[in-house]
């Protein structure tokens, strides 16, 4: 599936009359909730002796993606610009790749 098809399908499942304020709230809370389900799946696998449920993980990551795309679009952002800004931030923060030392000495956290 290509991204544009996915993006269009996200909005196929949104009520068009939903006000922007409610869209923002639905998207932010949904993103938090679904991220929590991803974390729960991994937590159970790492700390409670469960097998990693990859099909459930895939489904929850799909829900995270749905809310992420919905939030980006509702806020007037494109996924591409979010990705580009994130890459630029990480390249500035870790110009030679990740290092523990640079992580501890980050100026943007002081």
N, C-alpha and C. Protein backbone atom coordinates (compact mmCIF):
# COMPACT_ATOMS: atom_id res chain seq x y z
N UNK A 1 0.85 -1.18 0.00
CA UNK A 1 0.00 0.00 0.00
C UNK A 1 0.89 1.24 0.00
N UNK A 2 0.52 2.23 -0.76
CA UNK A 2 1.28 3.48 -0.76
C UNK A 2 0.67 4.44 0.27
N UNK A 3 1.47 5.43 0.66
CA UNK A 3 1.06 6.33 1.74
C UNK A 3 -0.19 7.13 1.39
N UNK A 4 -0.29 7.62 0.18
CA UNK A 4 -1.45 8.45 -0.18
C UNK A 4 -2.75 7.66 -0.08
N UNK A 5 -2.73 6.42 -0.48
CA UNK A 5 -3.91 5.56 -0.34
C UNK A 5 -4.25 5.41 1.14
N UNK A 6 -3.24 5.20 1.95
CA UNK A 6 -3.47 5.07 3.39
C UNK A 6 -4.06 6.36 3.96
N UNK A 7 -3.46 7.49 3.61
CA UNK A 7 -3.92 8.79 4.12
C UNK A 7 -5.39 9.01 3.77
N UNK A 8 -5.75 8.72 2.55
CA UNK A 8 -7.14 8.88 2.13
C UNK A 8 -8.07 7.96 2.93
N UNK A 9 -7.60 6.75 3.22
CA UNK A 9 -8.42 5.82 3.97
C UNK A 9 -8.60 6.26 5.41
N UNK A 10 -7.59 6.93 5.97
CA UNK A 10 -7.76 7.48 7.32
C UNK A 10 -8.97 8.39 7.33
N UNK A 11 -9.05 9.28 6.37
CA UNK A 11 -10.13 10.26 6.37
C UNK A 11 -11.46 9.69 5.89
N UNK A 12 -11.42 8.51 5.31
CA UNK A 12 -12.66 7.81 4.97
C UNK A 12 -13.38 7.39 6.25
N UNK A 13 -12.60 7.20 7.32
CA UNK A 13 -13.16 6.70 8.57
C UNK A 13 -13.27 7.79 9.65
N UNK A 14 -13.27 9.04 9.22
CA UNK A 14 -13.46 10.18 10.13
C UNK A 14 -14.77 10.86 9.76
N UNK A 15 -15.57 11.17 10.78
CA UNK A 15 -16.80 11.92 10.50
C UNK A 15 -16.41 13.32 10.01
N UNK A 16 -16.84 13.71 8.82
CA UNK A 16 -16.46 15.01 8.26
C UNK A 16 -16.90 16.20 9.11
N UNK A 17 -17.99 16.05 9.84
CA UNK A 17 -18.52 17.19 10.62
C UNK A 17 -17.80 17.38 11.96
N UNK A 18 -16.86 16.51 12.28
CA UNK A 18 -16.15 16.64 13.56
C UNK A 18 -15.34 17.93 13.57
N UNK A 19 -15.57 18.81 14.55
CA UNK A 19 -14.82 20.08 14.61
C UNK A 19 -13.33 19.84 14.85
N UNK A 20 -12.53 20.80 14.41
CA UNK A 20 -11.07 20.67 14.53
C UNK A 20 -10.63 20.43 15.97
N UNK A 21 -11.21 21.14 16.90
CA UNK A 21 -10.83 20.98 18.31
C UNK A 21 -11.02 19.53 18.76
N UNK A 22 -12.15 18.95 18.39
CA UNK A 22 -12.41 17.56 18.74
C UNK A 22 -11.49 16.62 18.00
N UNK A 23 -11.17 16.92 16.76
CA UNK A 23 -10.24 16.09 15.99
C UNK A 23 -8.88 16.06 16.67
N UNK A 24 -8.42 17.22 17.11
CA UNK A 24 -7.13 17.28 17.79
C UNK A 24 -7.14 16.43 19.06
N UNK A 25 -8.20 16.55 19.82
CA UNK A 25 -8.31 15.79 21.06
C UNK A 25 -8.41 14.29 20.79
N UNK A 26 -9.25 13.91 19.86
CA UNK A 26 -9.38 12.49 19.50
C UNK A 26 -8.02 11.94 19.06
N UNK A 27 -7.33 12.69 18.22
CA UNK A 27 -6.05 12.21 17.68
C UNK A 27 -4.99 12.10 18.78
N UNK A 28 -4.87 13.10 19.62
CA UNK A 28 -3.84 13.08 20.67
C UNK A 28 -4.11 11.98 21.70
N UNK A 29 -5.36 11.88 22.13
CA UNK A 29 -5.70 10.85 23.12
C UNK A 29 -5.61 9.45 22.51
N UNK A 30 -6.05 9.33 21.27
CA UNK A 30 -5.96 8.03 20.60
C UNK A 30 -4.52 7.59 20.42
N UNK A 31 -3.65 8.53 20.06
CA UNK A 31 -2.23 8.22 19.89
C UNK A 31 -1.63 7.74 21.21
N UNK A 32 -1.97 8.40 22.29
CA UNK A 32 -1.48 7.97 23.60
C UNK A 32 -2.01 6.58 23.96
N UNK A 33 -3.28 6.37 23.78
CA UNK A 33 -3.88 5.09 24.13
C UNK A 33 -3.30 3.94 23.34
N UNK A 34 -3.18 4.11 22.04
CA UNK A 34 -2.67 3.03 21.20
C UNK A 34 -1.18 2.80 21.45
N UNK A 35 -0.43 3.86 21.73
CA UNK A 35 0.98 3.70 22.08
C UNK A 35 1.11 2.90 23.37
N UNK A 36 0.20 3.12 24.30
CA UNK A 36 0.18 2.35 25.53
C UNK A 36 -0.06 0.88 25.27
N UNK A 37 -0.90 0.56 24.30
CA UNK A 37 -1.15 -0.84 23.97
C UNK A 37 0.08 -1.49 23.35
N UNK A 38 0.83 -0.73 22.56
CA UNK A 38 2.10 -1.23 22.01
C UNK A 38 3.06 -1.52 23.17
N UNK A 39 3.17 -0.56 24.08
CA UNK A 39 4.08 -0.73 25.22
C UNK A 39 3.67 -1.93 26.08
N UNK A 40 2.38 -2.12 26.28
CA UNK A 40 1.88 -3.25 27.07
C UNK A 40 2.26 -4.58 26.43
N UNK A 41 2.14 -4.67 25.13
CA UNK A 41 2.51 -5.89 24.41
C UNK A 41 3.99 -6.20 24.62
N UNK A 42 4.83 -5.21 24.46
CA UNK A 42 6.28 -5.40 24.61
C UNK A 42 6.62 -5.69 26.07
N UNK A 43 5.99 -5.00 27.01
CA UNK A 43 6.24 -5.22 28.44
C UNK A 43 5.94 -6.66 28.82
N UNK A 44 4.81 -7.18 28.37
CA UNK A 44 4.45 -8.56 28.69
C UNK A 44 5.48 -9.54 28.15
N UNK A 45 5.98 -9.26 26.94
CA UNK A 45 6.97 -10.14 26.33
C UNK A 45 8.31 -10.08 27.07
N UNK A 46 8.71 -8.89 27.47
CA UNK A 46 10.04 -8.75 28.08
C UNK A 46 10.07 -9.05 29.57
N UNK A 47 8.97 -8.79 30.27
CA UNK A 47 9.02 -8.89 31.72
C UNK A 47 8.06 -9.90 32.34
N UNK A 48 7.12 -10.43 31.55
CA UNK A 48 6.13 -11.33 32.13
C UNK A 48 6.11 -12.70 31.47
N UNK A 49 7.09 -12.99 30.66
CA UNK A 49 7.21 -14.31 30.10
C UNK A 49 6.28 -14.64 28.94
N UNK A 50 5.59 -13.67 28.41
CA UNK A 50 4.71 -13.90 27.26
C UNK A 50 5.54 -13.91 25.97
N UNK A 51 5.01 -14.56 24.97
CA UNK A 51 5.61 -14.45 23.64
C UNK A 51 5.24 -13.07 23.08
N UNK A 52 6.12 -12.50 22.30
CA UNK A 52 5.79 -11.24 21.64
C UNK A 52 4.69 -11.52 20.64
N UNK A 53 3.56 -10.89 20.81
CA UNK A 53 2.41 -11.10 19.92
C UNK A 53 2.54 -10.19 18.71
N UNK A 54 3.25 -10.66 17.70
CA UNK A 54 3.54 -9.80 16.56
C UNK A 54 2.30 -9.40 15.78
N UNK A 55 1.30 -10.26 15.71
CA UNK A 55 0.09 -9.86 14.97
C UNK A 55 -0.65 -8.76 15.74
N UNK A 56 -0.71 -8.88 17.06
CA UNK A 56 -1.33 -7.82 17.87
C UNK A 56 -0.50 -6.55 17.81
N UNK A 57 0.83 -6.71 17.84
CA UNK A 57 1.73 -5.55 17.74
C UNK A 57 1.51 -4.84 16.41
N UNK A 58 1.41 -5.61 15.34
CA UNK A 58 1.16 -5.02 14.02
C UNK A 58 -0.15 -4.23 14.02
N UNK A 59 -1.19 -4.81 14.61
CA UNK A 59 -2.49 -4.13 14.65
C UNK A 59 -2.43 -2.84 15.46
N UNK A 60 -1.77 -2.88 16.61
CA UNK A 60 -1.67 -1.69 17.46
C UNK A 60 -0.79 -0.63 16.80
N UNK A 61 0.29 -1.05 16.15
CA UNK A 61 1.12 -0.07 15.42
C UNK A 61 0.32 0.56 14.29
N UNK A 62 -0.56 -0.21 13.66
CA UNK A 62 -1.44 0.35 12.64
C UNK A 62 -2.35 1.41 13.23
N UNK A 63 -2.86 1.17 14.44
CA UNK A 63 -3.70 2.17 15.10
C UNK A 63 -2.89 3.41 15.46
N UNK A 64 -1.63 3.21 15.91
CA UNK A 64 -0.75 4.35 16.19
C UNK A 64 -0.56 5.17 14.91
N UNK A 65 -0.31 4.48 13.81
CA UNK A 65 -0.12 5.16 12.53
C UNK A 65 -1.37 5.94 12.13
N UNK A 66 -2.55 5.33 12.31
CA UNK A 66 -3.80 6.01 11.97
C UNK A 66 -3.92 7.33 12.73
N UNK A 67 -3.73 7.28 14.05
CA UNK A 67 -3.85 8.50 14.86
C UNK A 67 -2.74 9.50 14.53
N UNK A 68 -1.54 9.01 14.24
CA UNK A 68 -0.43 9.90 13.87
C UNK A 68 -0.76 10.66 12.59
N UNK A 69 -1.20 9.96 11.57
CA UNK A 69 -1.56 10.61 10.31
C UNK A 69 -2.71 11.58 10.53
N UNK A 70 -3.71 11.15 11.29
CA UNK A 70 -4.87 12.00 11.58
C UNK A 70 -4.44 13.27 12.30
N UNK A 71 -3.55 13.15 13.29
CA UNK A 71 -3.09 14.32 14.04
C UNK A 71 -2.26 15.25 13.15
N UNK A 72 -1.37 14.68 12.37
CA UNK A 72 -0.57 15.52 11.46
C UNK A 72 -1.48 16.35 10.56
N UNK A 73 -2.39 15.69 9.90
CA UNK A 73 -3.27 16.36 8.94
C UNK A 73 -4.16 17.38 9.62
N UNK A 74 -4.68 17.04 10.80
CA UNK A 74 -5.55 17.96 11.52
C UNK A 74 -4.79 19.21 11.94
N UNK A 75 -3.52 19.04 12.28
CA UNK A 75 -2.69 20.17 12.71
C UNK A 75 -2.09 20.94 11.53
N UNK A 76 -2.38 20.51 10.32
CA UNK A 76 -1.86 21.21 9.14
C UNK A 76 -0.43 20.83 8.80
N UNK A 77 0.00 19.67 9.26
CA UNK A 77 1.34 19.19 8.97
C UNK A 77 1.25 18.01 8.01
N UNK A 78 2.30 17.82 7.24
CA UNK A 78 2.37 16.60 6.44
C UNK A 78 3.30 15.63 7.17
N UNK A 79 3.06 14.36 6.94
CA UNK A 79 3.94 13.35 7.52
C UNK A 79 5.36 13.55 7.03
N UNK A 80 5.50 13.93 5.77
CA UNK A 80 6.83 14.15 5.19
C UNK A 80 7.57 15.26 5.92
N UNK A 81 6.89 16.36 6.23
CA UNK A 81 7.59 17.45 6.91
C UNK A 81 7.94 17.07 8.34
N UNK A 82 7.11 16.25 8.99
CA UNK A 82 7.43 15.76 10.33
C UNK A 82 8.67 14.88 10.26
N UNK A 83 8.73 14.01 9.26
CA UNK A 83 9.90 13.13 9.10
C UNK A 83 11.15 13.97 8.83
N UNK A 84 11.05 14.94 7.93
CA UNK A 84 12.21 15.77 7.59
C UNK A 84 12.71 16.54 8.80
N UNK A 85 11.80 17.11 9.59
CA UNK A 85 12.20 17.86 10.78
C UNK A 85 12.85 16.94 11.80
N UNK A 86 12.34 15.72 11.92
CA UNK A 86 12.91 14.77 12.87
C UNK A 86 14.32 14.34 12.45
N UNK A 87 14.50 14.10 11.17
CA UNK A 87 15.83 13.74 10.67
C UNK A 87 16.80 14.89 10.91
N UNK A 88 16.39 16.12 10.61
CA UNK A 88 17.26 17.29 10.81
C UNK A 88 17.64 17.43 12.28
N UNK A 89 16.68 17.24 13.17
CA UNK A 89 16.94 17.34 14.61
C UNK A 89 17.95 16.28 15.05
N UNK A 90 17.76 15.04 14.60
CA UNK A 90 18.67 13.97 15.00
C UNK A 90 20.05 14.13 14.39
N UNK A 91 20.12 14.64 13.16
CA UNK A 91 21.44 14.86 12.54
C UNK A 91 22.20 15.96 13.27
N UNK A 92 21.49 16.97 13.74
CA UNK A 92 22.14 18.03 14.52
C UNK A 92 22.59 17.48 15.87
N UNK A 93 21.74 16.71 16.49
CA UNK A 93 22.01 16.17 17.82
C UNK A 93 23.11 15.11 17.77
N UNK A 94 23.10 14.27 16.75
CA UNK A 94 24.06 13.17 16.62
C UNK A 94 24.67 13.18 15.21
N UNK A 95 25.55 14.15 14.92
CA UNK A 95 26.06 14.28 13.56
C UNK A 95 26.87 13.07 13.08
N UNK A 96 27.45 12.34 14.00
CA UNK A 96 28.25 11.17 13.63
C UNK A 96 27.56 9.87 14.02
N UNK A 97 26.26 9.92 14.22
CA UNK A 97 25.51 8.76 14.69
C UNK A 97 25.39 8.81 16.21
N UNK A 98 24.55 7.95 16.75
CA UNK A 98 24.30 7.97 18.19
C UNK A 98 25.55 7.65 18.97
N UNK A 99 25.71 8.36 20.07
CA UNK A 99 26.74 8.01 21.06
C UNK A 99 26.19 8.33 22.44
N UNK A 100 26.52 7.48 23.41
CA UNK A 100 26.06 7.70 24.79
C UNK A 100 26.58 9.02 25.32
N UNK A 101 27.82 9.35 25.00
CA UNK A 101 28.41 10.60 25.48
C UNK A 101 27.63 11.81 24.98
N UNK A 102 27.33 11.84 23.69
CA UNK A 102 26.55 12.98 23.15
C UNK A 102 25.15 13.00 23.75
N UNK A 103 24.61 11.85 24.03
CA UNK A 103 23.28 11.80 24.65
C UNK A 103 23.31 12.42 26.04
N UNK A 104 24.35 12.15 26.79
CA UNK A 104 24.46 12.72 28.14
C UNK A 104 24.79 14.20 28.12
N UNK A 105 25.45 14.67 27.08
CA UNK A 105 25.91 16.05 27.00
C UNK A 105 25.05 16.92 26.10
N UNK A 106 23.84 16.49 25.78
CA UNK A 106 22.98 17.25 24.89
C UNK A 106 22.68 18.63 25.47
N UNK A 107 22.87 19.64 24.64
CA UNK A 107 22.59 21.00 25.07
C UNK A 107 21.10 21.29 25.12
N UNK A 108 20.31 20.61 24.32
CA UNK A 108 18.88 20.90 24.28
C UNK A 108 18.13 20.33 25.49
N UNK A 109 18.79 19.64 26.39
CA UNK A 109 18.13 19.13 27.59
C UNK A 109 18.59 19.85 28.85
N UNK A 110 19.46 20.82 28.70
CA UNK A 110 19.97 21.55 29.88
C UNK A 110 19.14 22.78 30.14
